[in-house]
C-alpha atoms as a PDB file:
ATOM      1  CA  UNK A   1       3.574  -4.364  23.599  1.00  0.00           C
ATOM      2  CA  UNK A   2       5.342  -3.379  20.403  1.00  0.00           C
ATOM      3  CA  UNK A   3       2.074  -2.311  18.724  1.00  0.00           C
ATOM      4  CA  UNK A   4       1.110  -0.149  21.671  1.00  0.00           C
ATOM      5  CA  UNK A   5       4.556   1.439  21.799  1.00  0.00           C
ATOM      6  CA  UNK A   6       4.538   2.320  18.090  1.00  0.00           C
ATOM      7  CA  UNK A   7       1.069   3.829  18.372  1.00  0.00           C
ATOM      8  CA  UNK A   8       2.218   5.939  21.316  1.00  0.00           C
ATOM      9  CA  UNK A   9       5.178   7.126  19.230  1.00  0.00           C
ATOM     10  CA  UNK A  10       2.758   8.031  16.430  1.00  0.00           C
ATOM     11  CA  UNK A  11       0.625  10.067  18.841  1.00  0.00           C
ATOM     12  CA  UNK A  12       3.738  11.859  20.057  1.00  0.00           C
ATOM     13  CA  UNK A  13       4.773  12.694  16.494  1.00  0.00           C
ATOM     14  CA  UNK A  14       1.305  14.115  15.823  1.00  0.00           C
ATOM     15  CA  UNK A  15       1.309  16.460  18.795  1.00  0.00           C
ATOM     16  CA  UNK A  16       0.653  20.046  17.625  1.00  0.00           C
ATOM     17  CA  UNK A  17       0.637  18.762  14.019  1.00  0.00           C
ATOM     18  CA  UNK A  18      -2.770  17.118  13.835  1.00  0.00           C
ATOM     19  CA  UNK A  19      -4.297  19.722  11.518  1.00  0.00           C
ATOM     20  CA  UNK A  20      -1.431  19.637   8.999  1.00  0.00           C
ATOM     21  CA  UNK A  21      -1.295  15.822   9.153  1.00  0.00           C
ATOM     22  CA  UNK A  22      -5.022  15.647   8.478  1.00  0.00           C
ATOM     23  CA  UNK A  23      -4.744  18.069   5.545  1.00  0.00           C
ATOM     24  CA  UNK A  24      -1.937  16.028   3.956  1.00  0.00           C
ATOM     25  CA  UNK A  25      -3.830  12.763   4.588  1.00  0.00           C
ATOM     26  CA  UNK A  26      -6.946  14.175   2.941  1.00  0.00           C
ATOM     27  CA  UNK A  27      -5.110  15.693  -0.037  1.00  0.00           C
ATOM     28  CA  UNK A  28      -4.929  12.506  -2.210  1.00  0.00           C
ATOM     29  CA  UNK A  29      -8.659  11.845  -1.705  1.00  0.00           C
ATOM     30  CA  UNK A  30      -9.535  15.440  -2.560  1.00  0.00           C
ATOM     31  CA  UNK A  31      -7.360  15.397  -5.704  1.00  0.00           C
ATOM     32  CA  UNK A  32      -8.759  12.012  -6.749  1.00  0.00           C
ATOM     33  CA  UNK A  33     -12.367  13.230  -6.403  1.00  0.00           C
ATOM     34  CA  UNK A  34     -11.595  16.409  -8.335  1.00  0.00           C
ATOM     35  CA  UNK A  35      -9.851  14.511 -11.161  1.00  0.00           C
ATOM     36  CA  UNK A  36     -12.688  11.981 -11.476  1.00  0.00           C
ATOM     37  CA  UNK A  37     -15.271  14.756 -11.823  1.00  0.00           C
ATOM     38  CA  UNK A  38     -13.028  16.704 -14.201  1.00  0.00           C
ATOM     39  CA  UNK A  39     -12.374  13.729 -16.503  1.00  0.00           C
ATOM     40  CA  UNK A  40     -16.049  12.771 -16.438  1.00  0.00           C
ATOM     41  CA  UNK A  41     -17.268  16.165 -17.687  1.00  0.00           C
ATOM     42  CA  UNK A  42     -14.306  16.925 -19.978  1.00  0.00           C
ATOM     43  CA  UNK A  43     -15.581  14.861 -22.989  1.00  0.00           C
ATOM     44  CA  UNK A  44     -18.998  16.592 -22.811  1.00  0.00           C
ATOM     45  CA  UNK A  45     -17.305  19.992 -22.863  1.00  0.00           C
ATOM     46  CA  UNK A  46     -14.986  18.985 -25.730  1.00  0.00           C
ATOM     47  CA  UNK A  47     -17.879  17.685 -27.833  1.00  0.00           C
ATOM     48  CA  UNK A  48     -19.496  21.104 -27.663  1.00  0.00           C
ATOM     49  CA  UNK A  49     -16.338  22.973 -28.668  1.00  0.00           C
ATOM     50  CA  UNK A  50     -14.638  20.483 -31.055  1.00  0.00           C
ATOM     51  CA  UNK A  51     -16.070  18.681 -34.055  1.00  0.00           C
ATOM     52  CA  UNK A  52     -13.326  16.111 -34.537  1.00  0.00           C
ATOM     53  CA  UNK A  53     -14.219  12.937 -32.601  1.00  0.00           C
ATOM     54  CA  UNK A  54     -10.666  11.538 -32.620  1.00  0.00           C
ATOM     55  CA  UNK A  55      -9.310  14.796 -31.221  1.00  0.00           C
ATOM     56  CA  UNK A  56     -11.824  14.605 -28.368  1.00  0.00           C
ATOM     57  CA  UNK A  57     -10.757  11.031 -27.602  1.00  0.00           C
ATOM     58  CA  UNK A  58      -7.063  11.955 -27.798  1.00  0.00           C
ATOM     59  CA  UNK A  59      -7.430  14.905 -25.398  1.00  0.00           C
ATOM     60  CA  UNK A  60      -9.522  12.782 -23.011  1.00  0.00           C
ATOM     61  CA  UNK A  61      -6.901  10.013 -22.954  1.00  0.00           C
ATOM     62  CA  UNK A  62      -4.085  12.523 -22.377  1.00  0.00           C
ATOM     63  CA  UNK A  63      -6.109  14.042 -19.530  1.00  0.00           C
ATOM     64  CA  UNK A  64      -6.614  10.650 -17.900  1.00  0.00           C
ATOM     65  CA  UNK A  65      -2.906   9.776 -18.173  1.00  0.00           C
ATOM     66  CA  UNK A  66      -1.910  13.148 -16.731  1.00  0.00           C
ATOM     67  CA  UNK A  67      -4.469  12.732 -13.930  1.00  0.00           C
ATOM     68  CA  UNK A  68      -3.006   9.352 -12.988  1.00  0.00           C
ATOM     69  CA  UNK A  69       0.486  10.820 -12.880  1.00  0.00           C
ATOM     70  CA  UNK A  70      -0.697  13.815 -10.812  1.00  0.00           C
ATOM     71  CA  UNK A  71      -2.600  11.651  -8.325  1.00  0.00           C
ATOM     72  CA  UNK A  72       0.377   9.272  -7.964  1.00  0.00           C
ATOM     73  CA  UNK A  73       2.661  12.248  -7.331  1.00  0.00           C
ATOM     74  CA  UNK A  74       0.353  13.568  -4.613  1.00  0.00           C
ATOM     75  CA  UNK A  75       0.306  10.156  -2.967  1.00  0.00           C
ATOM     76  CA  UNK A  76       4.110   9.980  -2.998  1.00  0.00           C
ATOM     77  CA  UNK A  77       4.292  13.458  -1.453  1.00  0.00           C
ATOM     78  CA  UNK A  78       1.950  12.294   1.302  1.00  0.00           C
ATOM     79  CA  UNK A  79       4.097   9.225   1.956  1.00  0.00           C
ATOM     80  CA  UNK A  80       7.275  11.347   2.135  1.00  0.00           C
ATOM     81  CA  UNK A  81       5.568  13.753   4.550  1.00  0.00           C
ATOM     82  CA  UNK A  82       4.614  11.002   7.003  1.00  0.00           C
ATOM     83  CA  UNK A  83       7.993   9.310   6.605  1.00  0.00           C
ATOM     84  CA  UNK A  84       9.749  12.482   7.716  1.00  0.00           C
ATOM     85  CA  UNK A  85       7.240  13.062  10.515  1.00  0.00           C
ATOM     86  CA  UNK A  86       7.684   9.478  11.731  1.00  0.00           C
ATOM     87  CA  UNK A  87      11.443  10.112  11.875  1.00  0.00           C
ATOM     88  CA  UNK A  88      10.796  13.208  14.032  1.00  0.00           C
ATOM     89  CA  UNK A  89      11.887  15.742  11.421  1.00  0.00           C
ATOM     90  CA  UNK A  90      10.386  19.162  10.770  1.00  0.00           C
ATOM     91  CA  UNK A  91       8.638  19.352   7.423  1.00  0.00           C
ATOM     92  CA  UNK A  92       7.988  22.274   5.108  1.00  0.00           C
ATOM     93  CA  UNK A  93       5.540  21.260   2.427  1.00  0.00           C
ATOM     94  CA  UNK A  94       7.037  23.176  -0.523  1.00  0.00           C
ATOM     95  CA  UNK A  95      10.567  22.078   0.383  1.00  0.00           C
ATOM     96  CA  UNK A  96       9.258  18.518   0.690  1.00  0.00           C
ATOM     97  CA  UNK A  97       7.774  18.619  -2.821  1.00  0.00           C
ATOM     98  CA  UNK A  98      11.073  19.827  -4.278  1.00  0.00           C
ATOM     99  CA  UNK A  99      13.057  17.154  -2.443  1.00  0.00           C
ATOM    100  CA  UNK A 100      11.391  14.368  -4.447  1.00  0.00           C
ATOM    101  CA  UNK A 101      13.110  13.818  -7.781  1.00  0.00           C
ATOM    102  CA  UNK A 102      11.485  13.016 -11.109  1.00  0.00           C
ATOM    103  CA  UNK A 103      13.060   9.574 -11.050  1.00  0.00           C
ATOM    104  CA  UNK A 104      11.345   8.860  -7.744  1.00  0.00           C
ATOM    105  CA  UNK A 105       7.981   9.925  -9.175  1.00  0.00           C
ATOM    106  CA  UNK A 106       8.572   7.671 -12.178  1.00  0.00           C
ATOM    107  CA  UNK A 107       9.708   4.768  -9.983  1.00  0.00           C
ATOM    108  CA  UNK A 108       6.648   5.135  -7.781  1.00  0.00           C
ATOM    109  CA  UNK A 109       4.316   4.834 -10.790  1.00  0.00           C
ATOM    110  CA  UNK A 110       6.204   1.821 -12.182  1.00  0.00           C
ATOM    111  CA  UNK A 111       6.213   0.062  -8.811  1.00  0.00           C
ATOM    112  CA  UNK A 112       2.510   0.866  -8.325  1.00  0.00           C
ATOM    113  CA  UNK A 113       1.683  -0.732 -11.696  1.00  0.00           C
ATOM    114  CA  UNK A 114       3.726  -3.833 -10.808  1.00  0.00           C
ATOM    115  CA  UNK A 115       2.014  -4.049  -7.414  1.00  0.00           C
ATOM    116  CA  UNK A 116      -1.410  -3.893  -9.101  1.00  0.00           C
ATOM    117  CA  UNK A 117      -0.432  -6.686 -11.502  1.00  0.00           C
ATOM    118  CA  UNK A 118       0.946  -8.782  -8.649  1.00  0.00           C
ATOM    119  CA  UNK A 119      -2.208  -8.173  -6.611  1.00  0.00           C
ATOM    120  CA  UNK A 120      -4.367  -9.336  -9.518  1.00  0.00           C
ATOM    121  CA  UNK A 121      -2.190 -12.438  -9.899  1.00  0.00           C
ATOM    122  CA  UNK A 122      -2.384 -13.303  -6.208  1.00  0.00           C
ATOM    123  CA  UNK A 123      -6.148 -12.683  -6.161  1.00  0.00           C
ATOM    124  CA  UNK A 124      -6.515 -15.149  -9.051  1.00  0.00           C
ATOM    125  CA  UNK A 125      -4.532 -17.720  -7.056  1.00  0.00           C
ATOM    126  CA  UNK A 126      -6.292 -17.266  -3.713  1.00  0.00           C
ATOM    127  CA  UNK A 127      -9.864 -16.699  -4.901  1.00  0.00           C
ATOM    128  CA  UNK A 128     -10.003 -19.255  -7.735  1.00  0.00           C
ATOM    129  CA  UNK A 129     -11.141 -22.124  -5.405  1.00  0.00           C
ATOM    130  CA  UNK A 130     -13.975 -19.916  -4.127  1.00  0.00           C
ATOM    131  CA  UNK A 131     -14.964 -18.958  -7.701  1.00  0.00           C
ATOM    132  CA  UNK A 132     -14.986 -22.621  -8.795  1.00  0.00           C
ATOM    133  CA  UNK A 133     -17.181 -23.712  -5.876  1.00  0.00           C
ATOM    134  CA  UNK A 134     -19.480 -20.702  -6.345  1.00  0.00           C
ATOM    135  CA  UNK A 135     -19.758 -21.630 -10.053  1.00  0.00           C
ATOM    136  CA  UNK A 136     -20.726 -25.184  -9.085  1.00  0.00           C
ATOM    137  CA  UNK A 137     -23.333 -23.757  -6.720  1.00  0.00           C
ATOM    138  CA  UNK A 138     -24.782 -21.538  -9.449  1.00  0.00           C
ATOM    139  CA  UNK A 139     -24.832 -24.451 -11.912  1.00  0.00           C
ATOM    140  CA  UNK A 140     -26.420 -26.776  -9.364  1.00  0.00           C
ATOM    141  CA  UNK A 141     -29.059 -24.225  -8.402  1.00  0.00           C
ATOM    142  CA  UNK A 142     -29.969 -23.298 -11.977  1.00  0.00           C
ATOM    143  CA  UNK A 143     -29.606 -26.462 -14.054  1.00  0.00           C
ATOM    144  CA  UNK A 144     -29.533 -29.420 -11.674  1.00  0.00           C
ATOM    145  CA  UNK A 145     -31.558 -30.463  -8.689  1.00  0.00           C
ATOM    146  CA  UNK A 146     -28.979 -31.914  -6.303  1.00  0.00           C
ATOM    147  CA  UNK A 147     -31.025 -31.058  -3.252  1.00  0.00           C
ATOM    148  CA  UNK A 148     -30.922 -28.554  -0.442  1.00  0.00           C
ATOM    149  CA  UNK A 149     -28.074 -30.205   1.489  1.00  0.00           C
ATOM    150  CA  UNK A 150     -25.700 -30.173  -1.490  1.00  0.00           C
ATOM    151  CA  UNK A 151     -26.472 -26.532  -2.272  1.00  0.00           C
ATOM    152  CA  UNK A 152     -26.032 -25.565   1.377  1.00  0.00           C
ATOM    153  CA  UNK A 153     -22.683 -27.392   1.521  1.00  0.00           C
ATOM    154  CA  UNK A 154     -21.481 -25.635  -1.619  1.00  0.00           C
ATOM    155  CA  UNK A 155     -22.616 -22.238  -0.281  1.00  0.00           C
ATOM    156  CA  UNK A 156     -20.835 -22.689   3.052  1.00  0.00           C
ATOM    157  CA  UNK A 157     -17.719 -24.025   1.297  1.00  0.00           C
ATOM    158  CA  UNK A 158     -17.567 -21.015  -1.031  1.00  0.00           C
ATOM    159  CA  UNK A 159     -17.852 -18.614   1.927  1.00  0.00           C
ATOM    160  CA  UNK A 160     -15.134 -20.443   3.887  1.00  0.00           C
ATOM    161  CA  UNK A 161     -12.834 -20.529   0.849  1.00  0.00           C
ATOM    162  CA  UNK A 162     -13.435 -16.814   0.269  1.00  0.00           C
ATOM    163  CA  UNK A 163     -12.508 -15.952   3.868  1.00  0.00           C
ATOM    164  CA  UNK A 164      -9.379 -18.138   3.734  1.00  0.00           C
ATOM    165  CA  UNK A 165      -8.374 -16.608   0.405  1.00  0.00           C
ATOM    166  CA  UNK A 166      -8.977 -13.087   1.704  1.00  0.00           C
ATOM    167  CA  UNK A 167      -6.776 -13.689   4.763  1.00  0.00           C
ATOM    168  CA  UNK A 168      -3.921 -15.097   2.674  1.00  0.00           C
ATOM    169  CA  UNK A 169      -4.290 -12.324   0.095  1.00  0.00           C
ATOM    170  CA  UNK A 170      -4.232  -9.612   2.780  1.00  0.00           C
ATOM    171  CA  UNK A 171      -1.063 -11.022   4.360  1.00  0.00           C
ATOM    172  CA  UNK A 172       0.658 -11.564   0.998  1.00  0.00           C
ATOM    173  CA  UNK A 173       0.030  -7.997  -0.148  1.00  0.00           C
ATOM    174  CA  UNK A 174       1.765  -6.694   2.981  1.00  0.00           C
ATOM    175  CA  UNK A 175       5.050  -8.012   1.577  1.00  0.00           C
ATOM    176  CA  UNK A 176       5.099  -4.988  -0.734  1.00  0.00           C
ATOM    177  CA  UNK A 177       4.559  -2.439   2.049  1.00  0.00           C
ATOM    178  CA  UNK A 178       8.199  -1.338   2.189  1.00  0.00           C
ATOM    179  CA  UNK A 179       8.329  -0.309  -1.482  1.00  0.00           C
ATOM    180  CA  UNK A 180       7.550   3.356  -0.747  1.00  0.00           C
ATOM    181  CA  UNK A 181      10.222   3.549   1.946  1.00  0.00           C
ATOM    182  CA  UNK A 182      12.806   2.038  -0.406  1.00  0.00           C
ATOM    183  CA  UNK A 183      11.875   4.490  -3.176  1.00  0.00           C
ATOM    184  CA  UNK A 184      12.143   7.488  -0.855  1.00  0.00           C
ATOM    185  CA  UNK A 185      15.211   6.525   1.184  1.00  0.00           C
ATOM    186  CA  UNK A 186      17.340   4.116  -0.864  1.00  0.00           C
ATOM    187  CA  UNK A 187      19.092   4.632  -4.192  1.00  0.00           C
ATOM    188  CA  UNK A 188      17.572   1.597  -5.866  1.00  0.00           C
ATOM    189  CA  UNK A 189      16.369   2.429  -9.400  1.00  0.00           C
ATOM    190  CA  UNK A 190      15.047  -0.919 -10.616  1.00  0.00           C
ATOM    191  CA  UNK A 191      11.310  -1.355  -9.818  1.00  0.00           C
ATOM    192  CA  UNK A 192      11.567  -5.166  -9.799  1.00  0.00           C
ATOM    193  CA  UNK A 193      14.501  -5.046  -7.368  1.00  0.00           C
ATOM    194  CA  UNK A 194      12.550  -2.594  -5.193  1.00  0.00           C
ATOM    195  CA  UNK A 195       9.705  -5.093  -4.900  1.00  0.00           C
ATOM    196  CA  UNK A 196      12.183  -7.936  -4.263  1.00  0.00           C
ATOM    197  CA  UNK A 197      13.891  -5.899  -1.539  1.00  0.00           C
ATOM    198  CA  UNK A 198      10.539  -5.116   0.067  1.00  0.00           C
ATOM    199  CA  UNK A 199       9.668  -8.823   0.085  1.00  0.00           C
ATOM    200  CA  UNK A 200      13.025  -9.591   1.708  1.00  0.00           C
ATOM    201  CA  UNK A 201      12.531  -6.995   4.453  1.00  0.00           C
ATOM    202  CA  UNK A 202       8.934  -8.055   5.171  1.00  0.00           C
ATOM    203  CA  UNK A 203       9.719 -11.780   5.049  1.00  0.00           C
ATOM    204  CA  UNK A 204       9.265 -12.276   8.798  1.00  0.00           C
ATOM    205  CA  UNK A 205       6.980  -9.293   9.380  1.00  0.00           C
ATOM    206  CA  UNK A 206       4.069  -9.747   6.938  1.00  0.00           C
ATOM    207  CA  UNK A 207       1.757 -11.514   9.390  1.00  0.00           C
ATOM    208  CA  UNK A 208       2.689  -9.161  12.219  1.00  0.00           C
ATOM    209  CA  UNK A 209       2.100  -6.099  10.045  1.00  0.00           C
ATOM    210  CA  UNK A 210      -1.219  -7.514   8.802  1.00  0.00           C
ATOM    211  CA  UNK A 211      -2.431  -7.818  12.417  1.00  0.00           C
ATOM    212  CA  UNK A 212      -1.034  -4.355  13.118  1.00  0.00           C
ATOM    213  CA  UNK A 213      -3.161  -2.918  10.300  1.00  0.00           C
ATOM    214  CA  UNK A 214      -6.224  -4.845  11.490  1.00  0.00           C
ATOM    215  CA  UNK A 215      -5.801  -3.325  14.943  1.00  0.00           C
ATOM    216  CA  UNK A 216      -7.070  -0.036  13.456  1.00  0.00           C
ATOM    217  CA  UNK A 217     -10.435  -1.583  12.543  1.00  0.00           C
ATOM    218  CA  UNK A 218     -12.085  -0.069  15.616  1.00  0.00           C
ATOM    219  CA  UNK A 219     -10.733   3.380  14.744  1.00  0.00           C
ATOM    220  CA  UNK A 220     -12.071   3.058  11.196  1.00  0.00           C
ATOM    221  CA  UNK A 221     -15.510   2.018  12.476  1.00  0.00           C
ATOM    222  CA  UNK A 222     -15.557   5.179  14.592  1.00  0.00           C
ATOM    223  CA  UNK A 223     -15.217   7.209  11.367  1.00  0.00           C
ATOM    224  CA  UNK A 224     -18.878   6.425  10.616  1.00  0.00           C
ATOM    225  CA  UNK A 225     -19.587   9.509  12.737  1.00  0.00           C
ATOM    226  CA  UNK A 226     -17.270  11.532  10.386  1.00  0.00           C
ATOM    227  CA  UNK A 227     -15.866  13.774  13.176  1.00  0.00           C
ATOM    228  CA  UNK A 228     -13.276  11.166  14.381  1.00  0.00           C
ATOM    229  CA  UNK A 229     -11.911  11.126  10.825  1.00  0.00           C
ATOM    230  CA  UNK A 230     -10.053  14.340  11.665  1.00  0.00           C
ATOM    231  CA  UNK A 231      -7.853  12.399  14.102  1.00  0.00           C
ATOM    232  CA  UNK A 232      -8.061   8.799  12.833  1.00  0.00           C
ATOM    233  CA  UNK A 233      -6.843   9.339   9.250  1.00  0.00           C
ATOM    234  CA  UNK A 234      -3.499  10.977  10.144  1.00  0.00           C
ATOM    235  CA  UNK A 235      -3.071   8.675  13.155  1.00  0.00           C
ATOM    236  CA  UNK A 236      -3.275   5.541  10.979  1.00  0.00           C
ATOM    237  CA  UNK A 237      -0.857   6.970   8.409  1.00  0.00           C
ATOM    238  CA  UNK A 238       1.607   8.010  11.103  1.00  0.00           C
ATOM    239  CA  UNK A 239       1.353   4.666  12.907  1.00  0.00           C
ATOM    240  CA  UNK A 240       2.046   2.712   9.731  1.00  0.00           C
ATOM    241  CA  UNK A 241       5.114   4.785   8.964  1.00  0.00           C
ATOM    242  CA  UNK A 242       6.358   4.421  12.545  1.00  0.00           C
ATOM    243  CA  UNK A 243       6.178   0.671  11.986  1.00  0.00           C
ATOM    244  CA  UNK A 244       8.089   0.949   8.690  1.00  0.00           C
ATOM    245  CA  UNK A 245      10.867   3.091  10.135  1.00  0.00           C
ATOM    246  CA  UNK A 246      11.141   0.711  13.074  1.00  0.00           C
ATOM    247  CA  UNK A 247      11.636  -2.231  10.703  1.00  0.00           C
ATOM    248  CA  UNK A 248      14.337  -0.311   8.820  1.00  0.00           C
ATOM    249  CA  UNK A 249      16.155   0.341  12.112  1.00  0.00           C
ATOM    250  CA  UNK A 250      15.901  -3.336  13.069  1.00  0.00           C
ATOM    251  CA  UNK A 251      17.272  -4.346   9.681  1.00  0.00           C
ATOM    252  CA  UNK A 252      20.337  -2.146  10.175  1.00  0.00           C
ATOM    253  CA  UNK A 253      20.995  -3.373  13.724  1.00  0.00           C
ATOM    254  CA  UNK A 254      20.583  -7.116  13.059  1.00  0.00           C
ATOM    255  CA  UNK A 255      24.024  -8.650  13.618  1.00  0.00           C
ATOM    256  CA  UNK A 256      25.398 -10.807  10.828  1.00  0.00           C
ATOM    257  CA  UNK A 257      26.166 -14.400  11.715  1.00  0.00           C
ATOM    258  CA  UNK A 258      29.911 -14.872  12.032  1.00  0.00           C
ATOM    259  CA  UNK A 259      31.424 -17.719  10.094  1.00  0.00           C
ATOM    260  CA  UNK A 260      32.975 -20.438  12.286  1.00  0.00           C
ATOM    261  CA  UNK A 261      36.737 -20.742  12.297  1.00  0.00           C
ATOM    262  CA  UNK A 262      37.680 -24.132  10.875  1.00  0.00           C
ATOM    263  CA  UNK A 263      41.447 -23.765  10.810  1.00  0.00           C
ATOM    264  CA  UNK A 264      43.553 -21.300  12.690  1.00  0.00           C
ATOM    265  CA  UNK A 265      47.207 -21.100  11.694  1.00  0.00           C
ATOM    266  CA  UNK A 266      49.318 -18.831  13.791  1.00  0.00           C
ATOM    267  CA  UNK A 267      51.775 -16.737  11.857  1.00  0.00           C
ATOM    268  CA  UNK A 268      55.349 -17.659  12.661  1.00  0.00           C
ATOM    269  CA  UNK A 269      57.501 -14.903  14.091  1.00  0.00           C
ATOM    270  CA  UNK A 270      60.812 -14.342  12.381  1.00  0.00           C
ATOM    271  CA  UNK A 271      63.787 -14.229  14.711  1.00  0.00           C
END
């Protein structure tokens, strides 16, 4: 019921804004594609105009670093746009860009790097059993002759372990989903504390949010025909942010447990 309600809210927020929502959703992908092509052809152009090899490498590295910063900034702008739309606010794109501070851009990049490192760490934890069994299968198939049944058992085991690891990895990564909301709405400046706060908020919501994201699988499959992408891409972004804002509201309205009164001493009245 909750999933359906949030998706209905997302559809309501998108009314008469579908085109602008689609344009903002597509912007990071467009910028990413442009930057990849630009950085791919830049060294070839520099080699024709410059003779110093180290200067070519230096300019190429600077271009890549700047491209990463630019793409991250565009992504943060997109997140802020859908956050404001999910809250039912009117958005002007240029005013939105100015409302994001440099510190927020810097925090977003730092948190993104930490999230990548954490994702790699968790993938090593969850997929290592699958890699070990797959290695045994490769060794058995190439160097030993343990028989068909052993190889089949190892193959099935590696597939099962991969699926189990993928499920756990997908749910674990959802613990960091609130990082963008914290960066944009809270005054927290420490990237590690931002991740810790996100984990605390998503503690009892990671599995629920993972299933919520999987509920869009049918919509994504429809994008094979390209045309539904016009509606599906902004709808998914809006729905996810409606979920995030709903969690933030729940967090604020959760009553704190009152401490039990052990002793109660009535103040004596002076005559």
